[in-house]
C-alpha cells in the first residue's frame, strides 16, 4: 500500500516517519501532468521535477542549459497531474548564485507547486540552505556527483572513493543538516559511504547510484522505462519485465520497498 493512500498527501513528516521505521520510499523524476498522475497513483512518494529534463526532454548533453522558465513550466504541469506525492523541484544552474536570486527563484518554484527545492553542492551551499530554511522553504541538498558541476569535476565520475574525499562528504552532509536541510540526496558514491551518512544523519537520505542502505531511492523516469540514450551502471529497465508503464512504475516502487533494488550490480564500492 502506498504512503499516499494510508495518510493522504505525502509530506516531509511522512518521509521522516518512514526513515525512523526503517521503511524505504521511492522517488522518480516527472516532467508532465500525465506521468505525474501515473507515478503518484502507483505509490511513488516523491516526484522530482529535475533539471535532468535538459538531457531527456530537450536533448542537451548536460543539465546546464536548463532555465528557471523551463523549471517553472514543468513544475506547474506536474502539479496538475499529481495525486498526493511530495513534489521536489531543482534550482537549475546558476539560479542560486546570490541571496536575492535564490529567494526569488525558490519562491517561484514553490508558487508553481513545489513542496521542496533541491540544490547541488557541499559546504558552499550552507548559507543558502540556512537562508531558505529560515524563510520556510524546505531544502534537499544534493551531494556526491553534482551534474551542474560536471565541467569542474571533469565528467560523470563516482565521488568519495578515497578516504579524504569520503570524510569531507560526511562532514559536509552534517553541516548541511545543521543548516536546515530537510533531505539529503547522494549521487554516485560508494555504498559504504552512503550507509555511513544515512546512519549518522537524522534527516532522510535519498540515493541514486549510492547503494541500497539509503532511506529512499530515486531514478530518472526514462531510465526506469529503458528509453534513455545512456544506461549508467546504477540503472535498471523495469519496463522490460512489466510490459506496460504503470506496471513498470509499480515494480520499481515494490523493488525499492522490498530492498531488492538497487542490487549489488547497480552499486559502487
C-alpha atoms as a PDB file:
ATOM      1  CA  UNK A   1       0.000   0.000   0.000  1.00  0.00           C
ATOM      2  CA  UNK A   2       1.339   3.448  -0.859  1.00  0.00           C
ATOM      3  CA  UNK A   3       2.071   6.152   1.713  1.00  0.00           C
ATOM      4  CA  UNK A   4      -0.444   8.367  -0.080  1.00  0.00           C
ATOM      5  CA  UNK A   5      -3.407   6.069   0.422  1.00  0.00           C
ATOM      6  CA  UNK A   6      -2.635   5.481   4.090  1.00  0.00           C
ATOM      7  CA  UNK A   7      -2.284   9.098   5.196  1.00  0.00           C
ATOM      8  CA  UNK A   8      -3.386  11.458   2.433  1.00  0.00           C
ATOM      9  CA  UNK A   9      -0.660  13.517   0.827  1.00  0.00           C
ATOM     10  CA  UNK A  10       2.985  12.625   1.361  1.00  0.00           C
ATOM     11  CA  UNK A  11       4.814  15.291   3.384  1.00  0.00           C
ATOM     12  CA  UNK A  12       8.308  15.727   4.811  1.00  0.00           C
ATOM     13  CA  UNK A  13       6.894  14.302   8.056  1.00  0.00           C
ATOM     14  CA  UNK A  14       5.817  11.179   6.146  1.00  0.00           C
ATOM     15  CA  UNK A  15       9.377  10.655   4.879  1.00  0.00           C
ATOM     16  CA  UNK A  16      10.832  11.270   8.330  1.00  0.00           C
ATOM     17  CA  UNK A  17       8.493   8.676   9.831  1.00  0.00           C
ATOM     18  CA  UNK A  18       9.423   6.141   7.139  1.00  0.00           C
ATOM     19  CA  UNK A  19      13.117   6.668   7.918  1.00  0.00           C
ATOM     20  CA  UNK A  20      12.505   6.214  11.648  1.00  0.00           C
ATOM     21  CA  UNK A  21      10.625   2.968  10.982  1.00  0.00           C
ATOM     22  CA  UNK A  22      13.363   1.723   8.652  1.00  0.00           C
ATOM     23  CA  UNK A  23      10.968   1.626   5.695  1.00  0.00           C
ATOM     24  CA  UNK A  24      12.191   2.617   2.236  1.00  0.00           C
ATOM     25  CA  UNK A  25      10.474   5.132  -0.030  1.00  0.00           C
ATOM     26  CA  UNK A  26      10.519   5.550  -3.809  1.00  0.00           C
ATOM     27  CA  UNK A  27      11.176   8.683  -5.869  1.00  0.00           C
ATOM     28  CA  UNK A  28      11.097   9.294  -9.623  1.00  0.00           C
ATOM     29  CA  UNK A  29      11.501  12.249 -11.934  1.00  0.00           C
ATOM     30  CA  UNK A  30       8.377  13.626 -13.596  1.00  0.00           C
ATOM     31  CA  UNK A  31       8.027  16.430 -16.118  1.00  0.00           C
ATOM     32  CA  UNK A  32       4.359  16.452 -17.182  1.00  0.00           C
ATOM     33  CA  UNK A  33       0.830  16.004 -15.849  1.00  0.00           C
ATOM     34  CA  UNK A  34       0.157  12.611 -17.439  1.00  0.00           C
ATOM     35  CA  UNK A  35       3.192  10.881 -15.952  1.00  0.00           C
ATOM     36  CA  UNK A  36       2.769  12.712 -12.636  1.00  0.00           C
ATOM     37  CA  UNK A  37      -0.645  11.097 -12.287  1.00  0.00           C
ATOM     38  CA  UNK A  38       0.601   7.613 -13.242  1.00  0.00           C
ATOM     39  CA  UNK A  39       3.569   7.815 -10.874  1.00  0.00           C
ATOM     40  CA  UNK A  40       1.704   9.238  -7.894  1.00  0.00           C
ATOM     41  CA  UNK A  41      -1.129   6.726  -8.275  1.00  0.00           C
ATOM     42  CA  UNK A  42       1.460   3.916  -8.373  1.00  0.00           C
ATOM     43  CA  UNK A  43       2.682   4.917  -4.906  1.00  0.00           C
ATOM     44  CA  UNK A  44       5.826   6.942  -5.718  1.00  0.00           C
ATOM     45  CA  UNK A  45       6.293   9.093  -2.614  1.00  0.00           C
ATOM     46  CA  UNK A  46       8.412  11.853  -4.180  1.00  0.00           C
ATOM     47  CA  UNK A  47       8.225  13.294  -7.699  1.00  0.00           C
ATOM     48  CA  UNK A  48      11.276  15.323  -8.722  1.00  0.00           C
ATOM     49  CA  UNK A  49      10.897  17.896 -11.457  1.00  0.00           C
ATOM     50  CA  UNK A  50      14.581  17.607 -12.261  1.00  0.00           C
ATOM     51  CA  UNK A  51      16.870  19.681 -14.420  1.00  0.00           C
ATOM     52  CA  UNK A  52      17.571  16.262 -15.967  1.00  0.00           C
ATOM     53  CA  UNK A  53      14.816  17.400 -18.347  1.00  0.00           C
ATOM     54  CA  UNK A  54      17.599  19.212 -20.194  1.00  0.00           C
ATOM     55  CA  UNK A  55      19.004  15.841 -21.225  1.00  0.00           C
ATOM     56  CA  UNK A  56      15.969  13.556 -21.505  1.00  0.00           C
ATOM     57  CA  UNK A  57      13.425  16.057 -22.873  1.00  0.00           C
ATOM     58  CA  UNK A  58      15.472  18.795 -24.543  1.00  0.00           C
ATOM     59  CA  UNK A  59      18.335  16.665 -25.897  1.00  0.00           C
ATOM     60  CA  UNK A  60      21.228  18.606 -24.355  1.00  0.00           C
ATOM     61  CA  UNK A  61      24.419  16.822 -23.262  1.00  0.00           C
ATOM     62  CA  UNK A  62      24.197  18.248 -19.733  1.00  0.00           C
ATOM     63  CA  UNK A  63      21.738  19.955 -17.377  1.00  0.00           C
ATOM     64  CA  UNK A  64      23.428  23.361 -17.702  1.00  0.00           C
ATOM     65  CA  UNK A  65      21.181  24.908 -20.427  1.00  0.00           C
ATOM     66  CA  UNK A  66      18.002  24.445 -18.349  1.00  0.00           C
ATOM     67  CA  UNK A  67      16.424  27.777 -17.335  1.00  0.00           C
ATOM     68  CA  UNK A  68      14.146  28.862 -14.495  1.00  0.00           C
ATOM     69  CA  UNK A  69      11.342  29.323 -17.029  1.00  0.00           C
ATOM     70  CA  UNK A  70      11.765  25.672 -18.067  1.00  0.00           C
ATOM     71  CA  UNK A  71      11.596  24.529 -14.430  1.00  0.00           C
ATOM     72  CA  UNK A  72       8.554  26.648 -13.564  1.00  0.00           C
ATOM     73  CA  UNK A  73       6.663  25.421 -16.647  1.00  0.00           C
ATOM     74  CA  UNK A  74       7.310  21.723 -15.940  1.00  0.00           C
ATOM     75  CA  UNK A  75       6.655  22.137 -12.206  1.00  0.00           C
ATOM     76  CA  UNK A  76       3.223  23.605 -12.954  1.00  0.00           C
ATOM     77  CA  UNK A  77       2.454  20.714 -15.341  1.00  0.00           C
ATOM     78  CA  UNK A  78       3.431  18.096 -12.751  1.00  0.00           C
ATOM     79  CA  UNK A  79       1.371  19.792 -10.036  1.00  0.00           C
ATOM     80  CA  UNK A  80      -1.765  19.464 -12.159  1.00  0.00           C
ATOM     81  CA  UNK A  81      -1.301  15.717 -12.565  1.00  0.00           C
ATOM     82  CA  UNK A  82      -0.078  14.902  -9.058  1.00  0.00           C
ATOM     83  CA  UNK A  83      -2.270  12.751  -6.804  1.00  0.00           C
ATOM     84  CA  UNK A  84      -0.610  13.094  -3.407  1.00  0.00           C
ATOM     85  CA  UNK A  85       3.149  12.751  -3.914  1.00  0.00           C
ATOM     86  CA  UNK A  86       5.626  15.207  -2.413  1.00  0.00           C
ATOM     87  CA  UNK A  87       6.833  17.499  -5.210  1.00  0.00           C
ATOM     88  CA  UNK A  88      10.513  18.446  -5.378  1.00  0.00           C
ATOM     89  CA  UNK A  89      11.996  20.889  -7.898  1.00  0.00           C
ATOM     90  CA  UNK A  90      15.586  21.561  -8.915  1.00  0.00           C
ATOM     91  CA  UNK A  91      17.019  25.036  -8.764  1.00  0.00           C
ATOM     92  CA  UNK A  92      18.868  24.971 -12.107  1.00  0.00           C
ATOM     93  CA  UNK A  93      22.443  26.011 -12.899  1.00  0.00           C
ATOM     94  CA  UNK A  94      23.403  29.481 -11.567  1.00  0.00           C
ATOM     95  CA  UNK A  95      19.868  30.168 -10.278  1.00  0.00           C
ATOM     96  CA  UNK A  96      21.083  30.408  -6.657  1.00  0.00           C
ATOM     97  CA  UNK A  97      24.281  32.404  -7.136  1.00  0.00           C
ATOM     98  CA  UNK A  98      23.172  35.336  -4.943  1.00  0.00           C
ATOM     99  CA  UNK A  99      20.889  35.721  -1.945  1.00  0.00           C
ATOM    100  CA  UNK A 100      18.203  37.714  -3.752  1.00  0.00           C
ATOM    101  CA  UNK A 101      18.299  35.395  -6.779  1.00  0.00           C
ATOM    102  CA  UNK A 102      17.989  32.321  -4.549  1.00  0.00           C
ATOM    103  CA  UNK A 103      14.932  33.611  -2.725  1.00  0.00           C
ATOM    104  CA  UNK A 104      13.214  34.858  -5.889  1.00  0.00           C
ATOM    105  CA  UNK A 105      13.758  31.611  -7.811  1.00  0.00           C
ATOM    106  CA  UNK A 106      12.899  29.289  -4.917  1.00  0.00           C
ATOM    107  CA  UNK A 107       9.696  31.271  -4.317  1.00  0.00           C
ATOM    108  CA  UNK A 108       8.786  30.962  -7.996  1.00  0.00           C
ATOM    109  CA  UNK A 109       9.115  27.174  -7.857  1.00  0.00           C
ATOM    110  CA  UNK A 110       7.064  26.997  -4.656  1.00  0.00           C
ATOM    111  CA  UNK A 111       4.327  29.116  -6.247  1.00  0.00           C
ATOM    112  CA  UNK A 112       4.327  26.759  -9.237  1.00  0.00           C
ATOM    113  CA  UNK A 113       3.638  23.813  -6.920  1.00  0.00           C
ATOM    114  CA  UNK A 114       6.902  22.608  -5.371  1.00  0.00           C
ATOM    115  CA  UNK A 115       6.909  21.443  -1.750  1.00  0.00           C
ATOM    116  CA  UNK A 116      10.722  21.441  -1.519  1.00  0.00           C
ATOM    117  CA  UNK A 117      13.592  22.740  -3.659  1.00  0.00           C
ATOM    118  CA  UNK A 118      16.825  20.891  -4.424  1.00  0.00           C
ATOM    119  CA  UNK A 119      20.224  22.494  -4.869  1.00  0.00           C
ATOM    120  CA  UNK A 120      23.622  20.991  -5.571  1.00  0.00           C
ATOM    121  CA  UNK A 121      26.773  21.494  -3.552  1.00  0.00           C
ATOM    122  CA  UNK A 122      28.658  20.906  -0.322  1.00  0.00           C
ATOM    123  CA  UNK A 123      29.802  23.363   2.341  1.00  0.00           C
ATOM    124  CA  UNK A 124      29.429  26.283  -0.050  1.00  0.00           C
ATOM    125  CA  UNK A 125      25.615  25.963  -0.030  1.00  0.00           C
ATOM    126  CA  UNK A 126      25.457  26.051   3.793  1.00  0.00           C
ATOM    127  CA  UNK A 127      24.451  29.725   3.918  1.00  0.00           C
ATOM    128  CA  UNK A 128      21.997  29.290   1.028  1.00  0.00           C
ATOM    129  CA  UNK A 129      20.398  26.323   2.800  1.00  0.00           C
ATOM    130  CA  UNK A 130      20.082  28.301   6.026  1.00  0.00           C
ATOM    131  CA  UNK A 131      18.653  31.296   4.151  1.00  0.00           C
ATOM    132  CA  UNK A 132      15.911  29.181   2.559  1.00  0.00           C
ATOM    133  CA  UNK A 133      15.151  27.204   5.733  1.00  0.00           C
ATOM    134  CA  UNK A 134      14.762  30.371   7.803  1.00  0.00           C
ATOM    135  CA  UNK A 135      12.167  31.611   5.314  1.00  0.00           C
ATOM    136  CA  UNK A 136      10.094  28.457   5.383  1.00  0.00           C
ATOM    137  CA  UNK A 137      11.333  26.903   2.139  1.00  0.00           C
ATOM    138  CA  UNK A 138      12.275  23.220   2.592  1.00  0.00           C
ATOM    139  CA  UNK A 139      15.619  22.174   1.110  1.00  0.00           C
ATOM    140  CA  UNK A 140      17.052  18.985  -0.349  1.00  0.00           C
ATOM    141  CA  UNK A 141      20.853  19.185  -0.536  1.00  0.00           C
ATOM    142  CA  UNK A 142      22.342  17.225  -3.460  1.00  0.00           C
ATOM    143  CA  UNK A 143      25.876  15.889  -2.848  1.00  0.00           C
ATOM    144  CA  UNK A 144      28.309  13.425  -4.399  1.00  0.00           C
ATOM    145  CA  UNK A 145      28.169  13.641  -8.185  1.00  0.00           C
ATOM    146  CA  UNK A 146      26.590  17.042  -8.864  1.00  0.00           C
ATOM    147  CA  UNK A 147      25.736  17.276 -12.586  1.00  0.00           C
ATOM    148  CA  UNK A 148      25.732  21.094 -12.605  1.00  0.00           C
ATOM    149  CA  UNK A 149      29.456  20.910 -11.719  1.00  0.00           C
ATOM    150  CA  UNK A 150      30.266  18.376 -14.437  1.00  0.00           C
ATOM    151  CA  UNK A 151      32.802  20.668 -16.125  1.00  0.00           C
ATOM    152  CA  UNK A 152      34.696  21.231 -12.872  1.00  0.00           C
ATOM    153  CA  UNK A 153      34.551  17.545 -11.882  1.00  0.00           C
ATOM    154  CA  UNK A 154      35.709  16.548 -15.371  1.00  0.00           C
ATOM    155  CA  UNK A 155      32.878  14.185 -16.233  1.00  0.00           C
ATOM    156  CA  UNK A 156      30.323  11.906 -14.594  1.00  0.00           C
ATOM    157  CA  UNK A 157      32.558  10.086 -12.098  1.00  0.00           C
ATOM    158  CA  UNK A 158      31.921   8.312  -8.788  1.00  0.00           C
ATOM    159  CA  UNK A 159      32.685  10.625  -5.853  1.00  0.00           C
ATOM    160  CA  UNK A 160      34.055   9.803  -2.394  1.00  0.00           C
ATOM    161  CA  UNK A 161      36.186   6.805  -3.271  1.00  0.00           C
ATOM    162  CA  UNK A 162      39.319   7.994  -1.468  1.00  0.00           C
ATOM    163  CA  UNK A 163      39.365   8.437   2.307  1.00  0.00           C
ATOM    164  CA  UNK A 164      39.853  12.209   2.379  1.00  0.00           C
ATOM    165  CA  UNK A 165      37.062  12.890  -0.096  1.00  0.00           C
ATOM    166  CA  UNK A 166      34.725  10.483   1.724  1.00  0.00           C
ATOM    167  CA  UNK A 167      35.434  12.187   5.057  1.00  0.00           C
ATOM    168  CA  UNK A 168      34.761  15.581   3.510  1.00  0.00           C
ATOM    169  CA  UNK A 169      31.368  14.416   2.170  1.00  0.00           C
ATOM    170  CA  UNK A 170      30.450  13.057   5.630  1.00  0.00           C
ATOM    171  CA  UNK A 171      31.376  16.349   7.311  1.00  0.00           C
ATOM    172  CA  UNK A 172      29.595  18.497   4.734  1.00  0.00           C
ATOM    173  CA  UNK A 173      26.449  16.357   4.929  1.00  0.00           C
ATOM    174  CA  UNK A 174      26.302  17.009   8.679  1.00  0.00           C
ATOM    175  CA  UNK A 175      26.935  20.709   8.062  1.00  0.00           C
ATOM    176  CA  UNK A 176      24.001  20.949   5.642  1.00  0.00           C
ATOM    177  CA  UNK A 177      21.689  19.092   8.006  1.00  0.00           C
ATOM    178  CA  UNK A 178      22.663  21.534  10.756  1.00  0.00           C
ATOM    179  CA  UNK A 179      21.986  24.440   8.361  1.00  0.00           C
ATOM    180  CA  UNK A 180      18.404  23.245   7.967  1.00  0.00           C
ATOM    181  CA  UNK A 181      18.348  20.808   5.040  1.00  0.00           C
ATOM    182  CA  UNK A 182      15.304  18.520   5.261  1.00  0.00           C
ATOM    183  CA  UNK A 183      16.591  15.828   2.883  1.00  0.00           C
ATOM    184  CA  UNK A 184      19.994  14.830   1.529  1.00  0.00           C
ATOM    185  CA  UNK A 185      20.409  13.321  -1.945  1.00  0.00           C
ATOM    186  CA  UNK A 186      23.582  11.330  -2.642  1.00  0.00           C
ATOM    187  CA  UNK A 187      24.502  10.572  -6.254  1.00  0.00           C
ATOM    188  CA  UNK A 188      27.194   8.133  -7.412  1.00  0.00           C
ATOM    189  CA  UNK A 189      29.022   7.449  -4.161  1.00  0.00           C
ATOM    190  CA  UNK A 190      30.226   4.095  -2.766  1.00  0.00           C
ATOM    191  CA  UNK A 191      27.544   2.108  -0.939  1.00  0.00           C
ATOM    192  CA  UNK A 192      29.573   2.038   2.290  1.00  0.00           C
ATOM    193  CA  UNK A 193      29.850   5.833   2.351  1.00  0.00           C
ATOM    194  CA  UNK A 194      26.116   6.275   1.693  1.00  0.00           C
ATOM    195  CA  UNK A 195      25.323   3.866   4.523  1.00  0.00           C
ATOM    196  CA  UNK A 196      27.584   5.741   6.953  1.00  0.00           C
ATOM    197  CA  UNK A 197      25.954   9.070   6.092  1.00  0.00           C
ATOM    198  CA  UNK A 198      22.402   7.677   6.241  1.00  0.00           C
ATOM    199  CA  UNK A 199      23.054   6.217   9.690  1.00  0.00           C
ATOM    200  CA  UNK A 200      24.707   9.388  11.001  1.00  0.00           C
ATOM    201  CA  UNK A 201      22.038  11.863   9.885  1.00  0.00           C
ATOM    202  CA  UNK A 202      18.583  12.412  11.351  1.00  0.00           C
ATOM    203  CA  UNK A 203      17.087  13.520   8.018  1.00  0.00           C
ATOM    204  CA  UNK A 204      16.117  11.094   5.224  1.00  0.00           C
ATOM    205  CA  UNK A 205      18.799  10.340   2.630  1.00  0.00           C
ATOM    206  CA  UNK A 206      17.827   9.601  -0.980  1.00  0.00           C
ATOM    207  CA  UNK A 207      20.283   7.686  -3.149  1.00  0.00           C
ATOM    208  CA  UNK A 208      20.949   7.277  -6.852  1.00  0.00           C
ATOM    209  CA  UNK A 209      23.923   5.067  -7.582  1.00  0.00           C
ATOM    210  CA  UNK A 210      24.536   5.101  -3.813  1.00  0.00           C
ATOM    211  CA  UNK A 211      23.618   1.562  -2.814  1.00  0.00           C
ATOM    212  CA  UNK A 212      20.635   0.043  -1.002  1.00  0.00           C
ATOM    213  CA  UNK A 213      21.115   1.463   2.506  1.00  0.00           C
ATOM    214  CA  UNK A 214      19.767   4.987   1.934  1.00  0.00           C
ATOM    215  CA  UNK A 215      16.289   5.930   3.200  1.00  0.00           C
ATOM    216  CA  UNK A 216      14.905   6.212  -0.326  1.00  0.00           C
ATOM    217  CA  UNK A 217      15.860   5.688  -3.959  1.00  0.00           C
ATOM    218  CA  UNK A 218      15.468   7.965  -6.946  1.00  0.00           C
ATOM    219  CA  UNK A 219      15.784   7.297 -10.655  1.00  0.00           C
ATOM    220  CA  UNK A 220      15.150   9.226 -13.830  1.00  0.00           C
ATOM    221  CA  UNK A 221      11.795   8.042 -15.231  1.00  0.00           C
ATOM    222  CA  UNK A 222      13.271   7.486 -18.685  1.00  0.00           C
ATOM    223  CA  UNK A 223      15.845   5.091 -17.168  1.00  0.00           C
ATOM    224  CA  UNK A 224      13.139   3.042 -15.427  1.00  0.00           C
ATOM    225  CA  UNK A 225      11.350   2.784 -18.782  1.00  0.00           C
ATOM    226  CA  UNK A 226      14.531   1.909 -20.698  1.00  0.00           C
ATOM    227  CA  UNK A 227      14.315   4.792 -23.162  1.00  0.00           C
ATOM    228  CA  UNK A 228      17.365   6.851 -22.120  1.00  0.00           C
ATOM    229  CA  UNK A 229      20.193   7.103 -24.657  1.00  0.00           C
ATOM    230  CA  UNK A 230      22.770   6.169 -21.977  1.00  0.00           C
ATOM    231  CA  UNK A 231      22.470   3.487 -19.310  1.00  0.00           C
ATOM    232  CA  UNK A 232      24.689   4.054 -16.259  1.00  0.00           C
ATOM    233  CA  UNK A 233      25.643   1.137 -14.001  1.00  0.00           C
ATOM    234  CA  UNK A 234      23.017   2.063 -11.396  1.00  0.00           C
ATOM    235  CA  UNK A 235      20.078   1.944 -13.847  1.00  0.00           C
ATOM    236  CA  UNK A 236      17.547  -0.848 -14.258  1.00  0.00           C
ATOM    237  CA  UNK A 237      14.916  -1.081 -17.012  1.00  0.00           C
ATOM    238  CA  UNK A 238      11.709  -2.097 -15.193  1.00  0.00           C
ATOM    239  CA  UNK A 239       9.544  -1.858 -18.314  1.00  0.00           C
ATOM    240  CA  UNK A 240      11.260  -4.860 -19.930  1.00  0.00           C
ATOM    241  CA  UNK A 241       9.724  -7.266 -17.398  1.00  0.00           C
ATOM    242  CA  UNK A 242       6.493  -5.417 -16.553  1.00  0.00           C
ATOM    243  CA  UNK A 243       5.216  -4.937 -20.099  1.00  0.00           C
ATOM    244  CA  UNK A 244       3.409  -1.641 -19.513  1.00  0.00           C
ATOM    245  CA  UNK A 245       4.285   1.707 -17.958  1.00  0.00           C
ATOM    246  CA  UNK A 246       2.058   1.615 -14.833  1.00  0.00           C
ATOM    247  CA  UNK A 247       3.293  -1.919 -14.167  1.00  0.00           C
ATOM    248  CA  UNK A 248       6.927  -0.849 -14.548  1.00  0.00           C
ATOM    249  CA  UNK A 249       6.476   2.001 -12.072  1.00  0.00           C
ATOM    250  CA  UNK A 250       4.731  -0.277  -9.552  1.00  0.00           C
ATOM    251  CA  UNK A 251       7.517  -2.858  -9.965  1.00  0.00           C
ATOM    252  CA  UNK A 252      10.123  -0.174  -9.251  1.00  0.00           C
ATOM    253  CA  UNK A 253       8.269   1.023  -6.127  1.00  0.00           C
ATOM    254  CA  UNK A 254       7.898  -2.551  -4.864  1.00  0.00           C
ATOM    255  CA  UNK A 255      11.551  -3.394  -5.543  1.00  0.00           C
ATOM    256  CA  UNK A 256      12.690  -0.318  -3.593  1.00  0.00           C
ATOM    257  CA  UNK A 257      10.411  -1.035  -0.643  1.00  0.00           C
ATOM    258  CA  UNK A 258      11.409  -4.710  -0.528  1.00  0.00           C
ATOM    259  CA  UNK A 259      15.096  -3.708  -0.713  1.00  0.00           C
ATOM    260  CA  UNK A 260      15.621  -5.658  -3.946  1.00  0.00           C
ATOM    261  CA  UNK A 261      16.689  -2.520  -5.810  1.00  0.00           C
ATOM    262  CA  UNK A 262      19.382  -1.432  -6.118  1.00  0.00           C
ATOM    263  CA  UNK A 263      21.046  -4.854  -6.232  1.00  0.00           C
ATOM    264  CA  UNK A 264      24.779  -5.458  -5.999  1.00  0.00           C
ATOM    265  CA  UNK A 265      25.306  -4.961  -9.748  1.00  0.00           C
ATOM    266  CA  UNK A 266      23.883  -1.418  -9.514  1.00  0.00           C
ATOM    267  CA  UNK A 267      26.269  -0.277  -6.752  1.00  0.00           C
ATOM    268  CA  UNK A 268      29.751   1.228  -6.444  1.00  0.00           C
ATOM    269  CA  UNK A 269      32.270   0.013  -3.876  1.00  0.00           C
END
